[in-house]
């Protein structure tokens, strides 16, 4: 089957990418509204764009009613976000937080997700997060009409002391997206074993 993207719907293209570019790590992005409401939402259309400076890209589709997502609204207003990598222990909470809620309701409060402040200038992260990045808005890319791609620059990184090593060879059991399923990065193959 040859599929022409020029004549494909946004949903069709999303489904093809969602099932092909896998596994994709899921970023749990926390932001704060102008009224102080904490928003916590998972994004799988997320990746590293640059290591120096540290820049992440996040593709944010609109809500089902066509309005912009709370995460995007908050980032454009406050210019700050925190990205937490999600591990197996937070899978259920992450899945719950993917639900669309009214703007004035916090996913963390609604689903009893315990949060903690790592840096007073940035939104908090879910407790027991092993790695998180404190980010500021860097740029917005107007690429398409059905989603918004934003760039976030990480200003600081948090690595929990439980996994931190001086050589920075730590391993996470991140949750990834594979189509409609989640995958835990559990089977590891050392690159040295492939020589």
N, C-alpha and C. Protein backbone atom coordinates (compact mmCIF):
# COMPACT_ATOMS: atom_id res chain seq x y z
N UNK A 1 0.85 -1.18 0.00
CA UNK A 1 0.00 0.00 0.00
C UNK A 1 0.89 1.24 0.00
N UNK A 2 0.68 2.08 -0.95
CA UNK A 2 1.39 3.36 -1.04
C UNK A 2 0.41 4.44 -0.60
N UNK A 3 0.79 5.24 0.39
CA UNK A 3 -0.12 6.25 0.91
C UNK A 3 0.45 7.63 0.64
N UNK A 4 -0.34 8.46 -0.01
CA UNK A 4 0.06 9.84 -0.33
C UNK A 4 -0.37 10.73 0.83
N UNK A 5 0.60 11.33 1.53
CA UNK A 5 0.27 12.17 2.67
C UNK A 5 -0.49 13.43 2.25
N UNK A 6 -0.31 13.87 1.01
CA UNK A 6 -1.00 15.07 0.56
C UNK A 6 -2.52 14.90 0.56
N UNK A 7 -2.99 13.68 0.37
CA UNK A 7 -4.43 13.43 0.35
C UNK A 7 -4.91 12.67 1.58
N UNK A 8 -4.06 12.59 2.61
CA UNK A 8 -4.43 11.87 3.84
C UNK A 8 -4.93 12.86 4.90
N UNK A 9 -5.85 12.40 5.73
CA UNK A 9 -6.37 13.25 6.81
C UNK A 9 -5.32 13.36 7.92
N UNK A 10 -5.42 14.39 8.77
CA UNK A 10 -4.50 14.50 9.90
C UNK A 10 -4.55 13.27 10.79
N UNK A 11 -5.74 12.71 11.03
CA UNK A 11 -5.86 11.52 11.86
C UNK A 11 -5.15 10.33 11.23
N UNK A 12 -5.28 10.17 9.93
CA UNK A 12 -4.62 9.06 9.23
C UNK A 12 -3.10 9.18 9.36
N UNK A 13 -2.58 10.38 9.16
CA UNK A 13 -1.13 10.59 9.28
C UNK A 13 -0.67 10.32 10.72
N UNK A 14 -1.47 10.80 11.68
CA UNK A 14 -1.14 10.56 13.09
C UNK A 14 -1.05 9.06 13.38
N UNK A 15 -2.04 8.31 12.90
CA UNK A 15 -2.06 6.86 13.17
C UNK A 15 -0.87 6.15 12.55
N UNK A 16 -0.48 6.55 11.35
CA UNK A 16 0.68 5.94 10.69
C UNK A 16 1.94 6.21 11.50
N UNK A 17 2.14 7.47 11.89
CA UNK A 17 3.33 7.82 12.68
C UNK A 17 3.31 7.16 14.04
N UNK A 18 2.13 7.15 14.68
CA UNK A 18 1.99 6.58 16.01
C UNK A 18 2.35 5.10 16.05
N UNK A 19 2.08 4.39 14.96
CA UNK A 19 2.36 2.96 14.90
C UNK A 19 3.71 2.63 14.27
N UNK A 20 4.34 3.60 13.62
CA UNK A 20 5.62 3.35 12.93
C UNK A 20 6.83 3.81 13.71
N UNK A 21 6.77 5.02 14.24
CA UNK A 21 7.93 5.59 14.94
C UNK A 21 7.82 5.16 16.39
N UNK A 22 8.28 3.94 16.68
CA UNK A 22 8.12 3.35 18.00
C UNK A 22 9.41 2.64 18.42
N UNK A 23 9.62 2.43 19.71
CA UNK A 23 8.87 3.08 20.79
C UNK A 23 9.29 4.54 20.92
N UNK A 24 8.35 5.39 21.32
CA UNK A 24 8.64 6.80 21.56
C UNK A 24 8.54 7.05 23.05
N UNK A 25 9.56 7.65 23.67
CA UNK A 25 9.43 7.95 25.10
C UNK A 25 8.31 8.97 25.31
N UNK A 26 7.65 8.84 26.43
CA UNK A 26 6.56 9.75 26.75
C UNK A 26 7.06 10.78 27.75
N UNK A 27 6.84 12.05 27.42
CA UNK A 27 7.20 13.14 28.33
C UNK A 27 5.97 13.53 29.13
N UNK A 28 6.13 13.60 30.45
CA UNK A 28 5.07 14.11 31.31
C UNK A 28 5.37 15.58 31.51
N UNK A 29 4.60 16.46 30.92
CA UNK A 29 4.90 17.89 30.96
C UNK A 29 3.98 18.58 31.96
N UNK A 30 4.61 19.27 32.91
CA UNK A 30 3.83 20.03 33.89
C UNK A 30 3.99 21.52 33.61
N UNK A 31 2.87 22.22 33.68
CA UNK A 31 2.82 23.66 33.47
C UNK A 31 1.85 24.25 34.49
N UNK A 32 1.90 25.57 34.63
CA UNK A 32 1.01 26.24 35.57
C UNK A 32 0.27 27.36 34.84
N UNK A 33 -1.04 27.42 35.06
CA UNK A 33 -1.85 28.45 34.41
C UNK A 33 -1.65 29.80 35.11
N UNK A 34 -2.17 30.85 34.50
CA UNK A 34 -2.10 32.18 35.12
C UNK A 34 -2.82 32.22 36.47
N UNK A 35 -3.80 31.33 36.65
CA UNK A 35 -4.55 31.27 37.91
C UNK A 35 -3.93 30.29 38.90
N UNK A 36 -2.76 29.75 38.58
CA UNK A 36 -2.06 28.86 39.50
C UNK A 36 -2.50 27.41 39.45
N UNK A 37 -3.25 27.01 38.41
CA UNK A 37 -3.69 25.61 38.28
C UNK A 37 -2.58 24.81 37.62
N UNK A 38 -2.20 23.71 38.27
CA UNK A 38 -1.16 22.83 37.75
C UNK A 38 -1.74 21.91 36.69
N UNK A 39 -1.16 21.92 35.51
CA UNK A 39 -1.56 21.02 34.43
C UNK A 39 -0.46 19.96 34.29
N UNK A 40 -0.86 18.71 34.15
CA UNK A 40 0.09 17.60 34.00
C UNK A 40 -0.42 16.71 32.88
N UNK A 41 0.33 16.64 31.77
CA UNK A 41 -0.15 15.89 30.61
C UNK A 41 0.99 15.14 29.93
N UNK A 42 0.72 13.92 29.47
CA UNK A 42 1.74 13.14 28.76
C UNK A 42 1.73 13.43 27.26
N UNK A 43 2.93 13.43 26.67
CA UNK A 43 3.08 13.66 25.23
C UNK A 43 4.07 12.65 24.67
N UNK A 44 3.65 11.92 23.63
CA UNK A 44 4.57 10.97 23.00
C UNK A 44 5.19 11.53 21.73
N UNK A 45 4.63 12.60 21.18
CA UNK A 45 5.26 13.24 20.03
C UNK A 45 6.25 14.25 20.59
N UNK A 46 7.36 13.71 21.10
CA UNK A 46 8.34 14.45 21.87
C UNK A 46 9.71 13.88 21.57
N UNK A 47 10.72 14.73 21.51
CA UNK A 47 12.06 14.23 21.27
C UNK A 47 13.13 15.28 21.51
N UNK A 48 14.37 14.81 21.52
CA UNK A 48 15.52 15.69 21.68
C UNK A 48 15.87 16.25 20.31
N UNK A 49 16.03 17.56 20.24
CA UNK A 49 16.38 18.22 18.99
C UNK A 49 17.84 18.63 18.96
N UNK A 50 18.38 18.98 20.13
CA UNK A 50 19.76 19.45 20.20
C UNK A 50 20.33 19.15 21.58
N UNK A 51 21.64 18.87 21.63
CA UNK A 51 22.30 18.62 22.91
C UNK A 51 23.00 19.86 23.45
N UNK A 52 23.31 20.81 22.59
CA UNK A 52 24.01 22.02 23.03
C UNK A 52 23.59 23.20 22.17
N UNK A 53 22.58 23.96 22.59
CA UNK A 53 21.86 23.87 23.86
C UNK A 53 20.90 22.67 23.87
N UNK A 54 20.46 22.30 25.08
CA UNK A 54 19.54 21.18 25.20
C UNK A 54 18.14 21.67 24.81
N UNK A 55 17.67 21.19 23.66
CA UNK A 55 16.37 21.61 23.13
C UNK A 55 15.51 20.37 22.88
N UNK A 56 14.29 20.42 23.40
CA UNK A 56 13.30 19.37 23.14
C UNK A 56 12.23 19.91 22.20
N UNK A 57 11.71 19.04 21.35
CA UNK A 57 10.57 19.41 20.52
C UNK A 57 9.35 18.65 21.03
N UNK A 58 8.21 19.32 21.03
CA UNK A 58 6.96 18.71 21.43
C UNK A 58 5.90 19.12 20.42
N UNK A 59 5.24 18.13 19.85
CA UNK A 59 4.16 18.39 18.90
C UNK A 59 2.84 18.27 19.66
N UNK A 60 2.08 19.36 19.71
CA UNK A 60 0.86 19.39 20.50
C UNK A 60 -0.35 19.58 19.58
N UNK A 61 -1.18 18.56 19.53
CA UNK A 61 -2.42 18.62 18.74
C UNK A 61 -3.50 19.33 19.55
N UNK A 62 -4.53 19.85 18.88
CA UNK A 62 -5.61 20.51 19.63
C UNK A 62 -6.44 19.51 20.42
N UNK A 63 -7.25 20.03 21.33
CA UNK A 63 -8.20 19.20 22.06
C UNK A 63 -9.24 18.67 21.07
N UNK A 64 -10.05 17.73 21.53
CA UNK A 64 -11.06 17.13 20.64
C UNK A 64 -12.08 18.16 20.16
N UNK A 65 -12.25 19.27 20.91
CA UNK A 65 -13.19 20.31 20.48
C UNK A 65 -12.53 21.36 19.59
N UNK A 66 -11.23 21.18 19.29
CA UNK A 66 -10.52 22.10 18.41
C UNK A 66 -9.76 23.20 19.13
N UNK A 67 -9.99 23.38 20.43
CA UNK A 67 -9.26 24.39 21.20
C UNK A 67 -7.84 23.93 21.51
N UNK A 68 -6.96 24.89 21.81
CA UNK A 68 -5.58 24.51 22.11
C UNK A 68 -5.53 23.81 23.47
N UNK A 69 -4.58 22.89 23.61
CA UNK A 69 -4.44 22.15 24.86
C UNK A 69 -3.92 23.08 25.95
N UNK A 70 -4.27 22.72 27.18
CA UNK A 70 -3.89 23.52 28.34
C UNK A 70 -2.37 23.67 28.44
N UNK A 71 -1.64 22.62 28.11
CA UNK A 71 -0.17 22.66 28.18
C UNK A 71 0.36 23.75 27.27
N UNK A 72 -0.10 23.79 26.04
CA UNK A 72 0.36 24.80 25.09
C UNK A 72 -0.03 26.20 25.55
N UNK A 73 -1.26 26.35 25.99
CA UNK A 73 -1.73 27.66 26.47
C UNK A 73 -0.84 28.16 27.60
N UNK A 74 -0.54 27.29 28.56
CA UNK A 74 0.28 27.69 29.71
C UNK A 74 1.71 28.02 29.31
N UNK A 75 2.28 27.24 28.40
CA UNK A 75 3.66 27.50 27.97
C UNK A 75 3.75 28.83 27.24
N UNK A 76 2.78 29.11 26.39
CA UNK A 76 2.80 30.37 25.65
C UNK A 76 2.59 31.57 26.57
N UNK A 77 1.84 31.37 27.67
CA UNK A 77 1.60 32.45 28.62
C UNK A 77 2.76 32.63 29.60
N UNK A 78 3.24 31.54 30.16
CA UNK A 78 4.23 31.62 31.26
C UNK A 78 5.66 31.32 30.85
N UNK A 79 5.83 30.73 29.64
CA UNK A 79 7.16 30.46 29.08
C UNK A 79 7.96 29.42 29.85
N UNK A 80 7.29 28.62 30.70
CA UNK A 80 8.01 27.61 31.48
C UNK A 80 7.25 26.28 31.49
N UNK A 81 8.03 25.20 31.57
CA UNK A 81 7.46 23.85 31.67
C UNK A 81 8.51 22.94 32.29
N UNK A 82 8.07 21.87 32.89
CA UNK A 82 8.98 20.85 33.40
C UNK A 82 8.63 19.54 32.72
N UNK A 83 9.66 18.87 32.22
CA UNK A 83 9.49 17.57 31.56
C UNK A 83 9.99 16.48 32.49
N UNK A 84 9.13 15.52 32.81
CA UNK A 84 9.52 14.38 33.65
C UNK A 84 9.44 13.12 32.81
N UNK A 85 10.48 12.30 32.88
CA UNK A 85 10.45 11.02 32.22
C UNK A 85 9.60 10.06 33.07
N UNK A 86 8.79 9.25 32.39
CA UNK A 86 7.81 8.41 33.09
C UNK A 86 8.29 6.96 33.12
N UNK A 87 8.27 6.39 34.31
CA UNK A 87 8.66 4.99 34.48
C UNK A 87 7.44 4.16 34.88
N UNK A 88 7.64 2.85 34.94
CA UNK A 88 6.55 1.90 35.14
C UNK A 88 5.71 2.21 36.37
N UNK A 89 6.32 2.65 37.45
CA UNK A 89 5.57 2.90 38.68
C UNK A 89 4.51 3.98 38.51
N UNK A 90 4.67 4.84 37.47
CA UNK A 90 3.71 5.93 37.24
C UNK A 90 2.80 5.68 36.04
N UNK A 91 2.79 4.47 35.52
CA UNK A 91 2.03 4.19 34.30
C UNK A 91 0.54 4.49 34.45
N UNK A 92 -0.08 4.01 35.52
CA UNK A 92 -1.52 4.22 35.71
C UNK A 92 -1.84 5.72 35.83
N UNK A 93 -1.05 6.43 36.63
CA UNK A 93 -1.27 7.87 36.80
C UNK A 93 -1.08 8.62 35.49
N UNK A 94 -0.06 8.21 34.74
CA UNK A 94 0.19 8.86 33.45
C UNK A 94 -0.99 8.65 32.51
N UNK A 95 -1.49 7.43 32.46
CA UNK A 95 -2.63 7.12 31.58
C UNK A 95 -3.85 7.94 31.99
N UNK A 96 -4.11 8.04 33.29
CA UNK A 96 -5.25 8.83 33.77
C UNK A 96 -5.09 10.30 33.37
N UNK A 97 -3.88 10.82 33.48
CA UNK A 97 -3.66 12.25 33.22
C UNK A 97 -3.77 12.61 31.74
N UNK A 98 -3.91 11.60 30.88
CA UNK A 98 -4.08 11.88 29.45
C UNK A 98 -5.51 12.30 29.10
N UNK A 99 -6.43 12.18 30.06
CA UNK A 99 -7.82 12.57 29.83
C UNK A 99 -7.94 14.09 29.69
N UNK A 100 -8.85 14.52 28.84
CA UNK A 100 -9.11 15.96 28.70
C UNK A 100 -9.98 16.42 29.86
N UNK A 101 -9.47 17.41 30.59
CA UNK A 101 -10.22 17.99 31.70
C UNK A 101 -10.43 19.47 31.42
N UNK A 102 -11.43 20.09 32.05
CA UNK A 102 -11.58 21.54 31.91
C UNK A 102 -10.31 22.25 32.37
N UNK A 103 -10.06 23.42 31.82
CA UNK A 103 -8.83 24.17 32.07
C UNK A 103 -8.59 24.45 33.55
N UNK A 104 -9.65 24.63 34.33
CA UNK A 104 -9.50 25.00 35.73
C UNK A 104 -9.34 23.79 36.66
N UNK A 105 -9.24 22.59 36.10
CA UNK A 105 -9.08 21.38 36.92
C UNK A 105 -7.70 20.78 36.68
N UNK A 106 -6.98 20.53 37.77
CA UNK A 106 -5.64 19.97 37.70
C UNK A 106 -5.70 18.44 37.66
N UNK A 107 -4.97 17.86 36.73
CA UNK A 107 -4.88 16.39 36.64
C UNK A 107 -4.26 15.82 37.91
N UNK A 108 -3.27 16.52 38.46
CA UNK A 108 -2.61 16.05 39.68
C UNK A 108 -3.59 15.96 40.84
N UNK A 109 -4.48 16.95 40.96
CA UNK A 109 -5.48 16.95 42.02
C UNK A 109 -6.56 15.91 41.74
N UNK A 110 -7.08 15.92 40.52
CA UNK A 110 -8.17 15.01 40.15
C UNK A 110 -7.79 13.54 40.34
N UNK A 111 -6.54 13.18 39.96
CA UNK A 111 -6.13 11.77 40.03
C UNK A 111 -5.18 11.48 41.18
N UNK A 112 -5.11 12.42 42.13
CA UNK A 112 -4.30 12.24 43.34
C UNK A 112 -2.85 11.86 43.02
N UNK A 113 -2.25 12.62 42.10
CA UNK A 113 -0.85 12.40 41.74
C UNK A 113 -0.01 13.32 42.62
N UNK A 114 0.78 12.73 43.48
CA UNK A 114 1.61 13.50 44.40
C UNK A 114 2.72 14.21 43.63
N UNK A 115 2.87 15.51 43.89
CA UNK A 115 3.86 16.32 43.19
C UNK A 115 4.89 16.86 44.18
N UNK A 116 6.05 17.23 43.65
CA UNK A 116 7.06 17.86 44.49
C UNK A 116 7.80 18.93 43.70
N UNK A 117 8.18 19.98 44.41
CA UNK A 117 8.92 21.07 43.78
C UNK A 117 10.40 20.74 43.84
N UNK A 118 11.03 20.70 42.67
CA UNK A 118 12.47 20.46 42.58
C UNK A 118 13.21 21.79 42.47
N UNK A 119 12.59 22.73 41.76
CA UNK A 119 13.18 24.06 41.56
C UNK A 119 12.03 25.07 41.68
N UNK A 120 12.21 26.07 42.53
CA UNK A 120 11.11 27.00 42.83
C UNK A 120 10.67 27.84 41.64
N UNK A 121 11.49 27.95 40.60
CA UNK A 121 11.14 28.75 39.43
C UNK A 121 10.44 27.97 38.33
N UNK A 122 10.21 26.68 38.56
CA UNK A 122 9.62 25.83 37.52
C UNK A 122 8.48 25.00 38.10
N UNK A 123 7.56 24.53 37.25
CA UNK A 123 6.46 23.69 37.74
C UNK A 123 6.99 22.42 38.41
N UNK A 124 6.23 21.89 39.38
CA UNK A 124 6.67 20.68 40.10
C UNK A 124 6.61 19.44 39.22
N UNK A 125 7.18 18.35 39.74
CA UNK A 125 7.19 17.07 39.04
C UNK A 125 6.49 16.02 39.90
N UNK A 126 6.02 14.94 39.28
CA UNK A 126 5.45 13.86 40.09
C UNK A 126 6.51 13.28 41.03
N UNK A 127 6.10 12.96 42.25
CA UNK A 127 7.02 12.37 43.22
C UNK A 127 7.59 11.08 42.67
N UNK A 128 8.80 10.77 43.07
CA UNK A 128 9.53 9.57 42.67
C UNK A 128 9.95 9.60 41.21
N UNK A 129 9.96 10.79 40.59
CA UNK A 129 10.50 10.92 39.25
C UNK A 129 12.01 10.81 39.35
N UNK A 130 12.63 10.04 38.47
CA UNK A 130 14.08 9.88 38.51
C UNK A 130 14.83 10.91 37.67
N UNK A 131 14.23 11.37 36.57
CA UNK A 131 14.89 12.36 35.72
C UNK A 131 13.85 13.37 35.24
N UNK A 132 14.21 14.65 35.36
CA UNK A 132 13.32 15.72 34.89
C UNK A 132 14.16 16.88 34.37
N UNK A 133 13.54 17.66 33.50
CA UNK A 133 14.21 18.81 32.88
C UNK A 133 13.37 20.06 33.11
N UNK A 134 14.00 21.10 33.64
CA UNK A 134 13.33 22.38 33.86
C UNK A 134 13.56 23.21 32.61
N UNK A 135 12.46 23.55 31.93
CA UNK A 135 12.56 24.14 30.59
C UNK A 135 11.91 25.52 30.49
N UNK A 136 12.39 26.26 29.50
CA UNK A 136 11.79 27.53 29.13
C UNK A 136 11.44 27.49 27.65
N UNK A 137 10.39 28.22 27.31
CA UNK A 137 9.96 28.30 25.92
C UNK A 137 11.10 28.86 25.07
N UNK A 138 11.38 28.19 23.96
CA UNK A 138 12.47 28.61 23.07
C UNK A 138 11.92 29.15 21.75
N UNK A 139 11.00 28.41 21.15
CA UNK A 139 10.46 28.84 19.87
C UNK A 139 9.20 28.03 19.56
N UNK A 140 8.45 28.52 18.60
CA UNK A 140 7.26 27.83 18.11
C UNK A 140 7.39 27.70 16.61
N UNK A 141 7.10 26.53 16.10
CA UNK A 141 7.22 26.28 14.67
C UNK A 141 5.82 26.15 14.07
N UNK A 142 5.48 27.04 13.19
CA UNK A 142 4.18 26.97 12.51
C UNK A 142 4.33 26.11 11.27
N UNK A 143 4.27 24.81 11.48
CA UNK A 143 4.50 23.86 10.38
C UNK A 143 3.19 23.45 9.73
N UNK A 144 2.20 23.16 10.55
CA UNK A 144 0.93 22.69 10.00
C UNK A 144 -0.24 23.40 10.63
N UNK A 145 -1.42 23.11 10.13
CA UNK A 145 -2.61 23.77 10.67
C UNK A 145 -3.33 22.94 11.72
N UNK A 146 -2.94 21.68 11.90
CA UNK A 146 -3.65 20.82 12.85
C UNK A 146 -2.90 20.54 14.13
N UNK A 147 -1.67 21.03 14.25
CA UNK A 147 -0.92 20.86 15.49
C UNK A 147 0.09 21.99 15.60
N UNK A 148 0.65 22.13 16.77
CA UNK A 148 1.64 23.18 17.03
C UNK A 148 2.91 22.50 17.54
N UNK A 149 4.02 22.81 16.93
CA UNK A 149 5.30 22.28 17.40
C UNK A 149 6.02 23.37 18.17
N UNK A 150 6.38 23.05 19.41
CA UNK A 150 7.10 24.02 20.21
C UNK A 150 8.46 23.45 20.59
N UNK A 151 9.39 24.35 20.82
CA UNK A 151 10.73 23.98 21.26
C UNK A 151 10.91 24.48 22.68
N UNK A 152 11.39 23.61 23.54
CA UNK A 152 11.66 23.94 24.93
C UNK A 152 13.14 23.77 25.20
N UNK A 153 13.75 24.77 25.84
CA UNK A 153 15.16 24.67 26.18
C UNK A 153 15.30 24.29 27.65
N UNK A 154 15.99 23.19 27.89
CA UNK A 154 16.23 22.75 29.27
C UNK A 154 17.32 23.61 29.88
N UNK A 155 16.99 24.24 30.99
CA UNK A 155 17.95 25.08 31.70
C UNK A 155 18.65 24.31 32.81
N UNK A 156 17.94 23.33 33.37
CA UNK A 156 18.50 22.50 34.42
C UNK A 156 17.96 21.08 34.28
N UNK A 157 18.70 20.14 34.87
CA UNK A 157 18.28 18.74 34.85
C UNK A 157 18.31 18.21 36.28
N UNK A 158 17.30 17.44 36.64
CA UNK A 158 17.25 16.76 37.93
C UNK A 158 17.46 15.27 37.69
N UNK A 159 18.42 14.68 38.40
CA UNK A 159 18.63 13.23 38.39
C UNK A 159 18.61 12.78 39.84
N UNK A 160 17.69 11.89 40.16
CA UNK A 160 17.57 11.43 41.54
C UNK A 160 18.86 10.76 42.00
N UNK A 161 19.23 11.01 43.24
CA UNK A 161 20.46 10.44 43.80
C UNK A 161 20.47 8.92 43.77
N UNK A 162 19.28 8.29 43.72
CA UNK A 162 19.21 6.82 43.69
C UNK A 162 19.83 6.25 42.42
N UNK A 163 19.79 7.01 41.32
CA UNK A 163 20.32 6.47 40.06
C UNK A 163 21.53 7.24 39.54
N UNK A 164 21.82 8.40 40.15
CA UNK A 164 22.91 9.24 39.66
C UNK A 164 24.26 8.54 39.83
N UNK A 165 25.09 8.59 38.79
CA UNK A 165 26.47 8.14 38.86
C UNK A 165 27.34 9.22 38.24
N UNK A 166 28.58 9.34 38.69
CA UNK A 166 29.46 10.39 38.18
C UNK A 166 29.71 10.25 36.69
N UNK A 167 29.75 9.02 36.19
CA UNK A 167 30.00 8.84 34.76
C UNK A 167 28.71 9.00 33.93
N UNK A 168 27.59 9.25 34.62
CA UNK A 168 26.28 9.46 33.99
C UNK A 168 25.80 8.26 33.17
N UNK A 169 26.20 7.07 33.56
CA UNK A 169 25.73 5.83 32.91
C UNK A 169 24.61 5.24 33.75
N UNK A 170 23.50 5.93 33.81
CA UNK A 170 22.34 5.43 34.54
C UNK A 170 21.33 4.90 33.54
N UNK A 171 20.43 4.05 34.01
CA UNK A 171 19.42 3.44 33.15
C UNK A 171 18.03 3.68 33.73
N UNK A 172 17.14 4.12 32.87
CA UNK A 172 15.75 4.31 33.26
C UNK A 172 14.89 3.21 32.65
N UNK A 173 13.79 2.92 33.29
CA UNK A 173 12.80 2.00 32.74
C UNK A 173 11.64 2.84 32.22
N UNK A 174 11.91 3.64 31.19
CA UNK A 174 10.92 4.58 30.67
C UNK A 174 9.74 3.89 30.01
N UNK A 175 8.61 4.59 30.07
CA UNK A 175 7.41 4.15 29.35
C UNK A 175 7.48 4.75 27.96
N UNK A 176 7.24 3.92 26.96
CA UNK A 176 7.22 4.38 25.57
C UNK A 176 5.87 4.10 24.95
N UNK A 177 5.60 4.77 23.87
CA UNK A 177 4.33 4.58 23.16
C UNK A 177 4.57 3.73 21.93
N UNK A 178 3.77 2.70 21.76
CA UNK A 178 3.82 1.83 20.59
C UNK A 178 2.39 1.67 20.11
N UNK A 179 1.98 2.51 19.15
CA UNK A 179 0.60 2.50 18.69
C UNK A 179 -0.34 2.81 19.84
N UNK A 180 -1.32 1.93 20.10
CA UNK A 180 -2.25 2.12 21.21
C UNK A 180 -1.76 1.49 22.51
N UNK A 181 -0.54 0.98 22.51
CA UNK A 181 -0.01 0.29 23.68
C UNK A 181 1.14 1.08 24.30
N UNK A 182 1.50 0.69 25.50
CA UNK A 182 2.67 1.24 26.17
C UNK A 182 3.73 0.16 26.26
N UNK A 183 4.99 0.56 26.21
CA UNK A 183 6.09 -0.39 26.32
C UNK A 183 7.05 0.12 27.38
N UNK A 184 7.54 -0.78 28.20
CA UNK A 184 8.53 -0.44 29.20
C UNK A 184 9.88 -0.88 28.67
N UNK A 185 10.85 0.04 28.71
CA UNK A 185 12.18 -0.30 28.18
C UNK A 185 12.90 -1.20 29.18
N UNK A 186 12.61 -2.51 29.09
CA UNK A 186 13.13 -3.44 30.08
C UNK A 186 14.26 -4.32 29.55
N UNK A 187 14.23 -4.70 28.30
CA UNK A 187 15.28 -5.56 27.77
C UNK A 187 16.38 -4.68 27.19
N UNK A 188 17.55 -4.77 27.80
CA UNK A 188 18.68 -3.94 27.38
C UNK A 188 19.77 -4.81 26.76
N UNK A 189 20.33 -4.34 25.69
CA UNK A 189 21.46 -5.01 25.04
C UNK A 189 22.63 -4.04 25.05
N UNK A 190 23.74 -4.45 25.65
CA UNK A 190 24.92 -3.61 25.71
C UNK A 190 25.54 -3.49 24.33
N UNK A 191 25.90 -2.28 23.91
CA UNK A 191 26.51 -2.07 22.60
C UNK A 191 27.83 -2.83 22.47
N UNK A 192 28.56 -2.96 23.57
CA UNK A 192 29.84 -3.68 23.52
C UNK A 192 29.64 -5.16 23.20
N UNK A 193 28.43 -5.69 23.51
CA UNK A 193 28.15 -7.10 23.23
C UNK A 193 27.86 -7.36 21.76
N UNK A 194 27.74 -6.31 20.97
CA UNK A 194 27.42 -6.45 19.55
C UNK A 194 28.66 -6.45 18.69
N UNK A 195 29.82 -6.23 19.27
CA UNK A 195 31.08 -6.20 18.51
C UNK A 195 31.57 -7.60 18.19
